Amino acid sequence: MRHEIKVADADPGEEVEVVQLNVAVGAAVKAGEALMEIASDKANMDLTSPVDGVLAELNVAEFEVVPADHLFGIVSDD
């Protein structure tokens, strides 16, 4: 199954910057593992893996600014 990596409760119109990517596509990840750090006007936070699996897709690059409701990537647990 594919699980989306998104910001929970993103405010409409808010933008975030990808500060650091911690995992490359194809890497095994554990539930709760920090995949990337993002920053908004309000705070910095980690986006974590929702499940044990593999980072199947990454839709951002370091230092990229994107809408907070952007699909950052996909973790597959197949």
Protein backbone atom coordinates (compact mmCIF):
# COMPACT_ATOMS: atom_id res chain seq x y z
CA MET A 1 0.00 0.00 0.00
CA ARG A 2 1.14 3.55 -0.74
CA HIS A 3 1.08 6.12 2.08
CA GLU A 4 1.24 9.87 1.38
CA ILE A 5 3.70 12.13 3.17
CA LYS A 6 1.93 15.42 3.86
CA VAL A 7 1.75 18.10 6.53
CA ALA A 8 -1.12 17.33 8.90
CA ASP A 9 -3.57 20.21 9.30
CA ALA A 10 -1.86 22.46 6.75
CA ASP A 11 -3.23 26.01 6.60
CA PRO A 12 -4.53 27.00 3.15
CA GLY A 13 -2.07 29.33 1.44
CA GLU A 14 0.78 28.58 3.85
CA GLU A 15 4.16 27.76 2.34
CA VAL A 16 6.97 25.69 3.80
CA GLU A 17 10.63 25.28 2.92
CA VAL A 18 12.30 21.88 2.79
CA VAL A 19 15.30 22.46 5.06
CA GLN A 20 16.86 19.00 4.91
CA LEU A 21 16.18 15.63 3.30
CA ASN A 22 17.19 12.73 5.54
CA VAL A 23 16.34 9.76 3.31
CA ALA A 24 16.82 8.98 -0.40
CA VAL A 25 14.28 7.30 -2.69
CA GLY A 26 14.58 3.53 -2.39
CA ALA A 27 15.76 3.59 1.23
CA ALA A 28 14.11 1.43 3.87
CA VAL A 29 12.36 3.51 6.55
CA LYS A 30 10.74 2.81 9.91
CA ALA A 31 7.44 4.22 11.16
CA GLY A 32 8.13 7.53 12.90
CA GLU A 33 11.51 8.02 11.21
CA ALA A 34 12.18 11.62 10.17
CA LEU A 35 12.21 11.73 6.37
CA MET A 36 12.78 15.48 6.09
CA GLU A 37 12.78 18.71 8.05
CA ILE A 38 10.52 21.54 6.90
CA ALA A 39 10.19 25.14 8.08
CA SER A 40 7.22 27.51 8.06
CA ASP A 41 6.76 30.99 9.46
CA LYS A 42 5.49 29.34 12.65
CA ALA A 43 7.93 26.49 13.32
CA ASN A 44 10.36 23.87 12.07
CA MET A 45 9.16 20.28 12.09
CA ASP A 46 10.03 16.81 10.87
CA LEU A 47 7.84 14.95 8.42
CA THR A 48 7.95 11.32 9.45
CA SER A 49 7.19 8.00 7.84
CA PRO A 50 3.68 6.78 8.65
CA VAL A 51 4.70 3.09 8.33
CA ASP A 52 7.65 0.73 8.00
CA GLY A 53 8.48 0.47 4.31
CA VAL A 54 10.45 2.03 1.48
CA LEU A 55 10.54 5.65 0.36
CA ALA A 56 9.04 5.08 -3.10
CA GLU A 57 8.67 8.69 -4.27
CA LEU A 58 10.05 12.08 -3.31
CA ASN A 59 8.42 15.19 -4.78
CA VAL A 60 10.62 17.92 -3.28
CA ALA A 61 14.25 19.00 -3.16
CA GLU A 62 16.26 20.59 -0.35
CA PHE A 63 15.61 24.33 0.00
CA GLU A 64 12.51 24.14 -2.22
CA VAL A 65 9.52 26.22 -1.10
CA VAL A 66 6.17 24.52 -1.67
CA PRO A 67 2.56 24.89 -0.47
CA ALA A 68 2.07 23.29 2.94
CA ASP A 69 -0.58 20.96 1.51
CA HIS A 70 1.88 19.63 -1.12
CA LEU A 71 2.38 15.86 -1.55
CA PHE A 72 5.98 15.53 -0.32
CA GLY A 73 6.39 11.86 -1.16
CA ILE A 74 5.13 8.30 -0.90
CA VAL A 75 6.15 5.46 1.42
CA SER A 76 5.25 1.98 0.23
CA ASP A 77 4.79 -0.92 2.63
CA ASP A 78 4.26 -3.56 -0.09
